[in-house]
Protein backbone atom coordinates (compact mmCIF):
# COMPACT_ATOMS: atom_id res chain seq x y z
CA MET A 1 90.54 -62.22 43.42
CA PHE A 2 87.81 -64.67 45.15
CA PRO A 3 87.10 -65.26 48.52
CA SER A 4 87.45 -68.33 49.83
CA GLY A 5 84.18 -70.45 49.49
CA HIS A 6 83.30 -69.10 45.94
CA SER A 7 83.59 -71.21 43.01
CA ARG A 8 86.43 -69.63 40.72
CA ASN A 9 88.41 -69.58 43.98
CA LYS A 10 91.40 -72.33 42.95
CA ALA A 11 93.70 -71.77 46.29
CA ALA A 12 91.12 -72.28 49.42
CA ASN A 13 90.58 -75.89 49.99
CA LEU A 14 86.76 -76.29 49.24
CA GLN A 15 86.57 -79.79 50.97
CA GLU A 16 87.60 -78.73 54.08
CA ILE A 17 85.47 -75.36 53.88
CA LEU A 18 82.09 -77.62 53.34
CA ASN A 19 83.19 -80.49 55.86
CA TYR A 20 83.40 -77.31 58.12
CA LYS A 21 80.06 -75.94 57.31
CA ASN A 22 77.94 -79.30 57.24
CA ASN A 23 80.15 -80.08 60.50
CA LEU A 24 78.80 -76.77 62.15
CA LEU A 25 75.39 -76.99 60.84
CA GLY A 26 74.84 -80.54 61.27
CA ARG A 27 75.71 -80.57 65.13
CA LEU A 28 72.59 -78.06 65.83
CA SER A 29 70.12 -80.96 64.58
CA LEU A 30 71.49 -84.29 64.32
CA SER A 31 73.10 -86.76 66.91
CA GLU A 32 76.66 -87.18 66.32
CA ASN A 33 76.04 -91.28 65.42
CA ASP A 34 73.65 -89.30 62.52
CA LEU A 35 76.20 -86.60 61.43
CA LYS A 36 79.05 -88.96 61.43
CA ASP A 37 76.92 -91.28 59.04
CA LYS A 38 75.52 -88.37 56.77
CA LEU A 39 79.13 -86.73 56.17
CA ASN A 40 80.78 -89.73 55.64
CA LEU A 41 78.06 -90.12 52.65
CA LEU A 42 78.09 -86.87 51.82
CA ASN A 43 82.23 -87.24 51.54
CA SER A 44 81.71 -90.14 49.08
CA ILE A 45 78.59 -89.74 47.37
CA GLU A 46 79.94 -90.15 44.03
CA LYS A 47 80.10 -93.97 45.72
CA ALA A 48 76.44 -94.00 47.04
CA SER A 49 73.97 -96.22 46.05
CA ASN A 50 71.04 -95.40 44.58
CA LYS A 51 69.28 -96.83 48.22
CA ASP A 52 71.84 -94.57 50.12
CA LEU A 53 70.97 -91.35 47.96
CA GLN A 54 67.18 -92.19 48.38
CA HIS A 55 67.51 -91.67 52.28
CA LEU A 56 69.91 -89.20 52.46
CA TYR A 57 68.20 -86.24 53.51
CA SER A 58 66.04 -88.84 55.89
CA GLY A 59 66.85 -88.78 59.51
CA LYS A 60 65.69 -87.54 63.28
CA ILE A 61 66.12 -84.18 63.88
CA ASN A 62 66.67 -82.62 67.40
CA VAL A 63 64.88 -79.99 68.56
CA LYS A 64 66.49 -77.64 71.16
CA LYS A 65 64.84 -76.05 73.86
CA HIS A 66 66.60 -72.72 73.05
CA SER A 67 67.47 -70.89 69.86
CA VAL A 68 71.29 -70.39 68.76
CA ASP A 69 71.13 -66.98 69.20
CA GLU A 70 69.99 -67.05 72.77
CA ALA A 71 72.22 -67.03 75.99
CA GLU A 72 70.72 -70.11 77.14
CA PHE A 73 71.71 -72.12 74.05
CA ASP A 74 74.31 -74.54 74.46
CA GLU A 75 76.04 -77.58 72.47
CA TRP A 76 75.08 -80.84 73.49
CA PHE A 77 78.62 -82.28 71.74
CA ILE A 78 81.56 -81.17 69.96
CA LEU A 79 82.82 -83.15 66.97
CA SER A 80 85.64 -82.89 64.98
CA ILE A 81 85.81 -84.52 61.61
CA LEU A 82 88.50 -81.91 60.50
CA ASP A 83 91.56 -83.52 62.45
């Protein structure tokens, strides 16, 4: 009745959807290592220390020369966390 990703949809795998979205968006601005670290922290946030939480949204953002909407845009790495 509710689409995948909706809070009331009980059939879809919400964790898999969030992993996919976070990976897709994170690839646009973070290095491979930073992205892995951030996703690992987000996926185990209930175990994170106070210090980890304070720095959760800190990091170096990589700026691309072209927008994702431009033909010249290219992804500099492919990362699959869903395997």
